[in-house]
Amino acid sequence: MFRILLIEDDRSLFSEISERLSQWSYDVYGITDFNLVMEEFTEMKPDLVIIDIQLPKFDGFHWCRLIRSHSNVPILFLSSREHPTDMVMSMQLGADDFIQKPFHFDVLIAKIQAVLRRAYNYNTDQQLEVRTWCGATVNYVKNTVQNNHGEIELTKNEMFILRQLIEQKNKIISREALIKSLWEDERFVSDNTLTVNVNRLRKKLAALQLGQFIETKVGQGYIALEEEHSL
């Protein structure tokens, strides 16, 4: 049974979400002291974190940043604000998805299921857990990429995107195909979300001098090149 930490200060909404998620056999926990969010997160060890943006003391972006500095646990943002930059900011901080309030609970459940499926079920084939790409070792299970320049750790979304690209290296994968495979249903995600994730992935790979091997093909999609094909 998956453990979900719901960081939401609206007690009425917390109770409603908690009750609905319990019907899907999720264990839902809340924060008892918003001064001790990280302490309670560490103690609970959740499988998924759902964070509201507007919170007491510090906003959800603050807590997302701190959680990401310690863990790659999947994070889903909730927001009642209508600022497009909220979604961009959440993706840049490493969130896995974003949902606007008010929302339909079927949409919330679909997003939770998709995030958990991506995070914990997609890499079940142990024979395919490690790949070599452009001289680097890509570990699908540990979500790491390593070469002689060092090692980076990716979020689940970033690794999923990289895996899709390098499994079909030197071939263009359309944005639509990536969105559909990553988020299950393109109606539930904006095109900009994919852009943010790819840009963040490329920036991390740049630390290993690999960023240039993920290319954008305008109007077509993305391609992962092997080193000899990029010259």
C-alpha atoms as a PDB file:
ATOM      1  CA  MET A   1       0.000   0.000   0.000  1.00  0.00           C
ATOM      2  CA  PHE A   2       1.440   3.370  -1.009  1.00  0.00           C
ATOM      3  CA  ARG A   3       2.019   6.044   1.632  1.00  0.00           C
ATOM      4  CA  ILE A   4       1.084   9.582   0.560  1.00  0.00           C
ATOM      5  CA  LEU A   5       2.128  12.709   2.441  1.00  0.00           C
ATOM      6  CA  LEU A   6      -0.421  15.466   1.752  1.00  0.00           C
ATOM      7  CA  ILE A   7       1.015  18.878   2.680  1.00  0.00           C
ATOM      8  CA  GLU A   8      -2.209  20.888   2.743  1.00  0.00           C
ATOM      9  CA  ASP A   9      -3.274  23.388   5.423  1.00  0.00           C
ATOM     10  CA  ASP A  10      -6.947  23.556   4.414  1.00  0.00           C
ATOM     11  CA  ARG A  11      -8.324  20.971   6.834  1.00  0.00           C
ATOM     12  CA  SER A  12     -11.609  20.590   4.966  1.00  0.00           C
ATOM     13  CA  LEU A  13      -9.837  19.906   1.667  1.00  0.00           C
ATOM     14  CA  PHE A  14      -7.322  17.658   3.407  1.00  0.00           C
ATOM     15  CA  SER A  15     -10.117  15.546   4.879  1.00  0.00           C
ATOM     16  CA  GLU A  16     -11.926  15.330   1.546  1.00  0.00           C
ATOM     17  CA  ILE A  17      -8.808  14.296  -0.383  1.00  0.00           C
ATOM     18  CA  SER A  18      -7.750  11.880   2.346  1.00  0.00           C
ATOM     19  CA  GLU A  19     -11.156  10.213   2.405  1.00  0.00           C
ATOM     20  CA  ARG A  20     -11.296   9.845  -1.363  1.00  0.00           C
ATOM     21  CA  LEU A  21      -7.752   8.461  -1.595  1.00  0.00           C
ATOM     22  CA  SER A  22      -8.404   5.973   1.191  1.00  0.00           C
ATOM     23  CA  GLN A  23     -11.133   4.506  -1.008  1.00  0.00           C
ATOM     24  CA  TRP A  24      -8.318   3.651  -3.456  1.00  0.00           C
ATOM     25  CA  SER A  25      -6.333   1.967  -0.660  1.00  0.00           C
ATOM     26  CA  TYR A  26      -3.785   4.755  -0.234  1.00  0.00           C
ATOM     27  CA  ASP A  27      -2.482   5.614   3.242  1.00  0.00           C
ATOM     28  CA  VAL A  28      -2.662   9.400   3.539  1.00  0.00           C
ATOM     29  CA  TYR A  29      -0.762  11.395   6.161  1.00  0.00           C
ATOM     30  CA  GLY A  30      -0.790  15.113   6.936  1.00  0.00           C
ATOM     31  CA  ILE A  31       1.544  17.611   8.548  1.00  0.00           C
ATOM     32  CA  THR A  32       0.903  18.299  12.227  1.00  0.00           C
ATOM     33  CA  ASP A  33       3.395  21.177  12.548  1.00  0.00           C
ATOM     34  CA  PHE A  34       4.266  23.337   9.531  1.00  0.00           C
ATOM     35  CA  ASN A  35       7.497  24.339  11.271  1.00  0.00           C
ATOM     36  CA  LEU A  36       8.633  20.706  11.109  1.00  0.00           C
ATOM     37  CA  VAL A  37       7.730  19.653   7.571  1.00  0.00           C
ATOM     38  CA  MET A  38      11.116  18.101   6.778  1.00  0.00           C
ATOM     39  CA  GLU A  39      11.261  16.286  10.105  1.00  0.00           C
ATOM     40  CA  GLU A  40       7.821  14.765   9.536  1.00  0.00           C
ATOM     41  CA  PHE A  41       8.681  13.931   5.911  1.00  0.00           C
ATOM     42  CA  THR A  42      11.822  12.090   7.051  1.00  0.00           C
ATOM     43  CA  GLU A  43       9.900  10.187   9.709  1.00  0.00           C
ATOM     44  CA  MET A  44       7.038   9.160   7.396  1.00  0.00           C
ATOM     45  CA  LYS A  45       9.167   8.091   4.400  1.00  0.00           C
ATOM     46  CA  PRO A  46       6.242   8.564   1.956  1.00  0.00           C
ATOM     47  CA  ASP A  47       6.057   7.038  -1.527  1.00  0.00           C
ATOM     48  CA  LEU A  48       4.479  10.232  -2.904  1.00  0.00           C
ATOM     49  CA  VAL A  49       4.248  13.835  -1.717  1.00  0.00           C
ATOM     50  CA  ILE A  50       1.355  16.123  -2.681  1.00  0.00           C
ATOM     51  CA  ILE A  51       2.092  19.775  -1.890  1.00  0.00           C
ATOM     52  CA  ASP A  52      -0.145  22.830  -1.967  1.00  0.00           C
ATOM     53  CA  ILE A  53       1.678  25.989  -3.044  1.00  0.00           C
ATOM     54  CA  GLN A  54       0.086  28.349  -0.513  1.00  0.00           C
ATOM     55  CA  LEU A  55       1.051  27.160   2.970  1.00  0.00           C
ATOM     56  CA  PRO A  56       1.766  28.678   6.400  1.00  0.00           C
ATOM     57  CA  LYS A  57       5.328  29.777   7.187  1.00  0.00           C
ATOM     58  CA  PHE A  58       6.854  28.831   3.808  1.00  0.00           C
ATOM     59  CA  ASP A  59       5.242  28.088   0.458  1.00  0.00           C
ATOM     60  CA  GLY A  60       5.205  24.738  -1.304  1.00  0.00           C
ATOM     61  CA  PHE A  61       8.133  25.695  -3.528  1.00  0.00           C
ATOM     62  CA  HIS A  62      10.325  26.043  -0.439  1.00  0.00           C
ATOM     63  CA  TRP A  63       9.437  22.563   0.795  1.00  0.00           C
ATOM     64  CA  CYS A  64       9.783  21.032  -2.670  1.00  0.00           C
ATOM     65  CA  ARG A  65      13.292  22.458  -2.921  1.00  0.00           C
ATOM     66  CA  LEU A  66      14.252  21.009   0.460  1.00  0.00           C
ATOM     67  CA  ILE A  67      12.701  17.608  -0.246  1.00  0.00           C
ATOM     68  CA  ARG A  68      14.481  17.435  -3.601  1.00  0.00           C
ATOM     69  CA  SER A  69      17.800  18.138  -1.899  1.00  0.00           C
ATOM     70  CA  HIS A  70      17.345  14.927   0.104  1.00  0.00           C
ATOM     71  CA  SER A  71      15.091  12.645  -1.932  1.00  0.00           C
ATOM     72  CA  ASN A  72      13.789  11.771  -5.392  1.00  0.00           C
ATOM     73  CA  VAL A  73      10.357  10.823  -4.044  1.00  0.00           C
ATOM     74  CA  PRO A  74       7.613  11.715  -6.574  1.00  0.00           C
ATOM     75  CA  ILE A  75       6.081  15.155  -5.945  1.00  0.00           C
ATOM     76  CA  LEU A  76       2.725  16.437  -7.214  1.00  0.00           C
ATOM     77  CA  PHE A  77       1.785  20.107  -6.766  1.00  0.00           C
ATOM     78  CA  LEU A  78      -1.669  21.531  -6.071  1.00  0.00           C
ATOM     79  CA  SER A  79      -2.423  25.194  -6.729  1.00  0.00           C
ATOM     80  CA  SER A  80      -5.458  27.463  -6.552  1.00  0.00           C
ATOM     81  CA  ARG A  81      -3.502  30.301  -8.149  1.00  0.00           C
ATOM     82  CA  GLU A  82      -3.834  31.022 -11.844  1.00  0.00           C
ATOM     83  CA  HIS A  83      -0.231  31.961 -12.539  1.00  0.00           C
ATOM     84  CA  PRO A  84       1.274  29.985 -15.470  1.00  0.00           C
ATOM     85  CA  THR A  85       4.667  30.478 -13.870  1.00  0.00           C
ATOM     86  CA  ASP A  86       3.590  28.245 -10.945  1.00  0.00           C
ATOM     87  CA  MET A  87       3.654  25.180 -13.186  1.00  0.00           C
ATOM     88  CA  VAL A  88       6.987  26.169 -14.707  1.00  0.00           C
ATOM     89  CA  MET A  89       8.496  26.808 -11.279  1.00  0.00           C
ATOM     90  CA  SER A  90       7.268  23.485  -9.908  1.00  0.00           C
ATOM     91  CA  MET A  91       8.777  21.568 -12.831  1.00  0.00           C
ATOM     92  CA  GLN A  92      12.058  23.442 -12.525  1.00  0.00           C
ATOM     93  CA  LEU A  93      12.235  22.470  -8.869  1.00  0.00           C
ATOM     94  CA  GLY A  94      11.827  18.804  -9.761  1.00  0.00           C
ATOM     95  CA  ALA A  95       8.109  18.172  -9.279  1.00  0.00           C
ATOM     96  CA  ASP A  96       6.636  15.282 -11.257  1.00  0.00           C
ATOM     97  CA  ASP A  97       3.239  16.798 -11.993  1.00  0.00           C
ATOM     98  CA  PHE A  98       0.940  19.737 -11.316  1.00  0.00           C
ATOM     99  CA  ILE A  99      -2.814  20.019 -10.874  1.00  0.00           C
ATOM    100  CA  GLN A 100      -4.919  23.174 -10.772  1.00  0.00           C
ATOM    101  CA  LYS A 101      -7.648  23.709  -8.172  1.00  0.00           C
ATOM    102  CA  PRO A 102     -10.531  23.165  -8.363  1.00  0.00           C
ATOM    103  CA  PHE A 103     -10.007  19.723  -9.833  1.00  0.00           C
ATOM    104  CA  HIS A 104     -12.078  16.650 -10.523  1.00  0.00           C
ATOM    105  CA  PHE A 105     -11.079  13.772  -8.243  1.00  0.00           C
ATOM    106  CA  ASP A 106     -10.906  11.383 -11.191  1.00  0.00           C
ATOM    107  CA  VAL A 107      -8.179  13.591 -12.638  1.00  0.00           C
ATOM    108  CA  LEU A 108      -6.299  13.621  -9.321  1.00  0.00           C
ATOM    109  CA  ILE A 109      -6.504   9.830  -9.058  1.00  0.00           C
ATOM    110  CA  ALA A 110      -5.324   9.420 -12.667  1.00  0.00           C
ATOM    111  CA  LYS A 111      -2.333  11.673 -12.042  1.00  0.00           C
ATOM    112  CA  ILE A 112      -1.424   9.894  -8.799  1.00  0.00           C
ATOM    113  CA  GLN A 113      -1.631   6.495 -10.458  1.00  0.00           C
ATOM    114  CA  ALA A 114       0.487   7.653 -13.404  1.00  0.00           C
ATOM    115  CA  VAL A 115       3.159   9.194 -11.158  1.00  0.00           C
ATOM    116  CA  LEU A 116       3.381   6.087  -8.969  1.00  0.00           C
ATOM    117  CA  ARG A 117       3.469   3.805 -12.006  1.00  0.00           C
ATOM    118  CA  ARG A 118       6.325   5.789 -13.524  1.00  0.00           C
ATOM    119  CA  ALA A 119       8.212   5.930 -10.246  1.00  0.00           C
ATOM    120  CA  TYR A 120       7.958   2.333  -9.107  1.00  0.00           C
ATOM    121  CA  ASN A 121       6.857   0.005 -11.904  1.00  0.00           C
ATOM    122  CA  TYR A 122       8.360   0.970 -15.236  1.00  0.00           C
ATOM    123  CA  ASN A 123      11.852  -0.485 -14.662  1.00  0.00           C
ATOM    124  CA  THR A 124      10.935  -4.059 -13.766  1.00  0.00           C
ATOM    125  CA  ASP A 125      13.132  -5.732 -16.394  1.00  0.00           C
ATOM    126  CA  GLN A 126      16.387  -6.268 -14.500  1.00  0.00           C
ATOM    127  CA  GLN A 127      18.298  -7.135 -17.679  1.00  0.00           C
ATOM    128  CA  LEU A 128      17.685  -3.591 -18.957  1.00  0.00           C
ATOM    129  CA  GLU A 129      18.490  -1.679 -15.785  1.00  0.00           C
ATOM    130  CA  VAL A 130      21.851  -0.378 -17.063  1.00  0.00           C
ATOM    131  CA  ARG A 131      22.720   1.119 -20.441  1.00  0.00           C
ATOM    132  CA  THR A 132      25.869   2.639 -21.922  1.00  0.00           C
ATOM    133  CA  TRP A 133      25.334   5.870 -23.848  1.00  0.00           C
ATOM    134  CA  CYS A 134      28.023   8.213 -25.190  1.00  0.00           C
ATOM    135  CA  GLY A 135      30.544   6.569 -22.887  1.00  0.00           C
ATOM    136  CA  ALA A 136      28.353   7.092 -19.824  1.00  0.00           C
ATOM    137  CA  THR A 137      26.671   4.480 -17.638  1.00  0.00           C
ATOM    138  CA  VAL A 138      22.924   5.089 -17.324  1.00  0.00           C
ATOM    139  CA  ASN A 139      21.308   3.233 -14.432  1.00  0.00           C
ATOM    140  CA  TYR A 140      17.529   3.118 -14.824  1.00  0.00           C
ATOM    141  CA  VAL A 141      16.975   1.758 -11.321  1.00  0.00           C
ATOM    142  CA  LYS A 142      19.210   4.163  -9.405  1.00  0.00           C
ATOM    143  CA  ASN A 143      18.280   7.083 -11.701  1.00  0.00           C
ATOM    144  CA  THR A 144      21.925   7.995 -12.192  1.00  0.00           C
ATOM    145  CA  VAL A 145      24.194   8.851 -15.119  1.00  0.00           C
ATOM    146  CA  GLN A 146      27.941   8.507 -14.619  1.00  0.00           C
ATOM    147  CA  ASN A 147      31.075   9.073 -16.698  1.00  0.00           C
ATOM    148  CA  ASN A 148      34.629  10.271 -16.096  1.00  0.00           C
ATOM    149  CA  HIS A 149      33.294  13.796 -15.429  1.00  0.00           C
ATOM    150  CA  GLY A 150      31.264  12.647 -12.437  1.00  0.00           C
ATOM    151  CA  GLU A 151      27.779  11.390 -11.584  1.00  0.00           C
ATOM    152  CA  ILE A 152      24.367  13.046 -11.625  1.00  0.00           C
ATOM    153  CA  GLU A 153      21.058  11.921 -10.154  1.00  0.00           C
ATOM    154  CA  LEU A 154      17.868  12.399 -12.148  1.00  0.00           C
ATOM    155  CA  THR A 155      14.250  12.601 -11.084  1.00  0.00           C
ATOM    156  CA  LYS A 156      11.888   9.834 -12.189  1.00  0.00           C
ATOM    157  CA  ASN A 157      10.487  11.989 -14.991  1.00  0.00           C
ATOM    158  CA  GLU A 158      13.930  12.987 -16.235  1.00  0.00           C
ATOM    159  CA  MET A 159      15.128   9.382 -16.304  1.00  0.00           C
ATOM    160  CA  PHE A 160      11.941   8.244 -18.011  1.00  0.00           C
ATOM    161  CA  ILE A 161      12.477  10.813 -20.762  1.00  0.00           C
ATOM    162  CA  LEU A 162      16.160   9.934 -21.127  1.00  0.00           C
ATOM    163  CA  ARG A 163      15.319   6.241 -21.279  1.00  0.00           C
ATOM    164  CA  GLN A 164      12.754   6.765 -24.016  1.00  0.00           C
ATOM    165  CA  LEU A 165      15.297   8.734 -26.038  1.00  0.00           C
ATOM    166  CA  ILE A 166      18.339   6.478 -25.664  1.00  0.00           C
ATOM    167  CA  GLU A 167      16.344   3.285 -26.203  1.00  0.00           C
ATOM    168  CA  GLN A 168      15.636   4.739 -29.658  1.00  0.00           C
ATOM    169  CA  LYS A 169      18.895   6.656 -30.035  1.00  0.00           C
ATOM    170  CA  ASN A 170      19.573   8.444 -33.308  1.00  0.00           C
ATOM    171  CA  LYS A 171      15.835   8.462 -34.010  1.00  0.00           C
ATOM    172  CA  ILE A 172      13.534  11.452 -33.571  1.00  0.00           C
ATOM    173  CA  ILE A 173      10.785  10.907 -30.995  1.00  0.00           C
ATOM    174  CA  SER A 174       7.866  13.271 -31.336  1.00  0.00           C
ATOM    175  CA  ARG A 175       6.766  15.466 -28.461  1.00  0.00           C
ATOM    176  CA  GLU A 176       3.324  13.867 -28.656  1.00  0.00           C
ATOM    177  CA  ALA A 177       4.792  10.370 -28.244  1.00  0.00           C
ATOM    178  CA  LEU A 178       6.834  11.443 -25.220  1.00  0.00           C
ATOM    179  CA  ILE A 179       3.885  13.155 -23.574  1.00  0.00           C
ATOM    180  CA  LYS A 180       1.638  10.167 -24.126  1.00  0.00           C
ATOM    181  CA  SER A 181       4.156   7.655 -22.767  1.00  0.00           C
ATOM    182  CA  LEU A 182       5.120   9.829 -19.800  1.00  0.00           C
ATOM    183  CA  TRP A 183       1.768  11.152 -18.676  1.00  0.00           C
ATOM    184  CA  GLU A 184      -0.474   8.423 -20.085  1.00  0.00           C
ATOM    185  CA  ASP A 185      -3.019  10.918 -21.434  1.00  0.00           C
ATOM    186  CA  GLU A 186      -1.959  14.152 -23.112  1.00  0.00           C
ATOM    187  CA  ARG A 187      -5.183  15.881 -22.045  1.00  0.00           C
ATOM    188  CA  PHE A 188      -3.816  16.083 -18.497  1.00  0.00           C
ATOM    189  CA  VAL A 189      -0.522  17.861 -19.220  1.00  0.00           C
ATOM    190  CA  SER A 190       0.595  20.989 -21.008  1.00  0.00           C
ATOM    191  CA  ASP A 191       3.128  20.959 -23.801  1.00  0.00           C
ATOM    192  CA  ASN A 192       5.231  23.387 -21.779  1.00  0.00           C
ATOM    193  CA  THR A 193       5.667  20.812 -19.005  1.00  0.00           C
ATOM    194  CA  LEU A 194       7.585  18.521 -21.340  1.00  0.00           C
ATOM    195  CA  THR A 195       9.776  21.420 -22.451  1.00  0.00           C
ATOM    196  CA  VAL A 196      10.670  22.234 -18.840  1.00  0.00           C
ATOM    197  CA  ASN A 197      11.541  18.603 -18.071  1.00  0.00           C
ATOM    198  CA  VAL A 198      13.726  18.204 -21.170  1.00  0.00           C
ATOM    199  CA  ASN A 199      15.530  21.484 -20.508  1.00  0.00           C
ATOM    200  CA  ARG A 200      16.197  20.463 -16.916  1.00  0.00           C
ATOM    201  CA  LEU A 201      17.466  17.063 -18.090  1.00  0.00           C
ATOM    202  CA  ARG A 202      19.768  18.679 -20.647  1.00  0.00           C
ATOM    203  CA  LYS A 203      21.122  21.090 -18.027  1.00  0.00           C
ATOM    204  CA  LYS A 204      21.978  18.230 -15.673  1.00  0.00           C
ATOM    205  CA  LEU A 205      23.628  16.254 -18.469  1.00  0.00           C
ATOM    206  CA  ALA A 206      25.732  19.300 -19.315  1.00  0.00           C
ATOM    207  CA  ALA A 207      27.618  18.753 -16.054  1.00  0.00           C
ATOM    208  CA  LEU A 208      28.870  15.507 -17.617  1.00  0.00           C
ATOM    209  CA  GLN A 209      29.430  17.210 -20.985  1.00  0.00           C
ATOM    210  CA  LEU A 210      26.493  15.242 -22.420  1.00  0.00           C
ATOM    211  CA  GLY A 211      23.881  17.972 -22.757  1.00  0.00           C
ATOM    212  CA  GLN A 212      24.610  18.539 -26.431  1.00  0.00           C
ATOM    213  CA  PHE A 213      23.706  14.945 -27.260  1.00  0.00           C
ATOM    214  CA  ILE A 214      20.011  15.580 -26.537  1.00  0.00           C
ATOM    215  CA  GLU A 215      18.918  17.668 -29.497  1.00  0.00           C
ATOM    216  CA  THR A 216      15.666  19.475 -30.207  1.00  0.00           C
ATOM    217  CA  LYS A 217      14.317  19.013 -33.719  1.00  0.00           C
ATOM    218  CA  VAL A 218      12.041  22.001 -34.239  1.00  0.00           C
ATOM    219  CA  GLY A 219       8.560  20.935 -35.242  1.00  0.00           C
ATOM    220  CA  GLN A 220       9.448  17.246 -34.863  1.00  0.00           C
ATOM    221  CA  GLY A 221      10.569  16.329 -31.348  1.00  0.00           C
ATOM    222  CA  TYR A 222      13.787  15.229 -29.646  1.00  0.00           C
ATOM    223  CA  ILE A 223      16.650  12.889 -30.429  1.00  0.00           C
ATOM    224  CA  ALA A 224      19.423  11.294 -28.357  1.00  0.00           C
ATOM    225  CA  LEU A 225      22.610  11.025 -30.369  1.00  0.00           C
ATOM    226  CA  GLU A 226      25.534   8.709 -29.890  1.00  0.00           C
ATOM    227  CA  GLU A 227      28.804  10.607 -29.829  1.00  0.00           C
ATOM    228  CA  GLU A 228      29.976   9.615 -33.262  1.00  0.00           C
ATOM    229  CA  HIS A 229      26.668  10.737 -34.816  1.00  0.00           C
ATOM    230  CA  SER A 230      26.819  14.241 -33.333  1.00  0.00           C
ATOM    231  CA  LEU A 231      30.018  15.360 -35.022  1.00  0.00           C
END
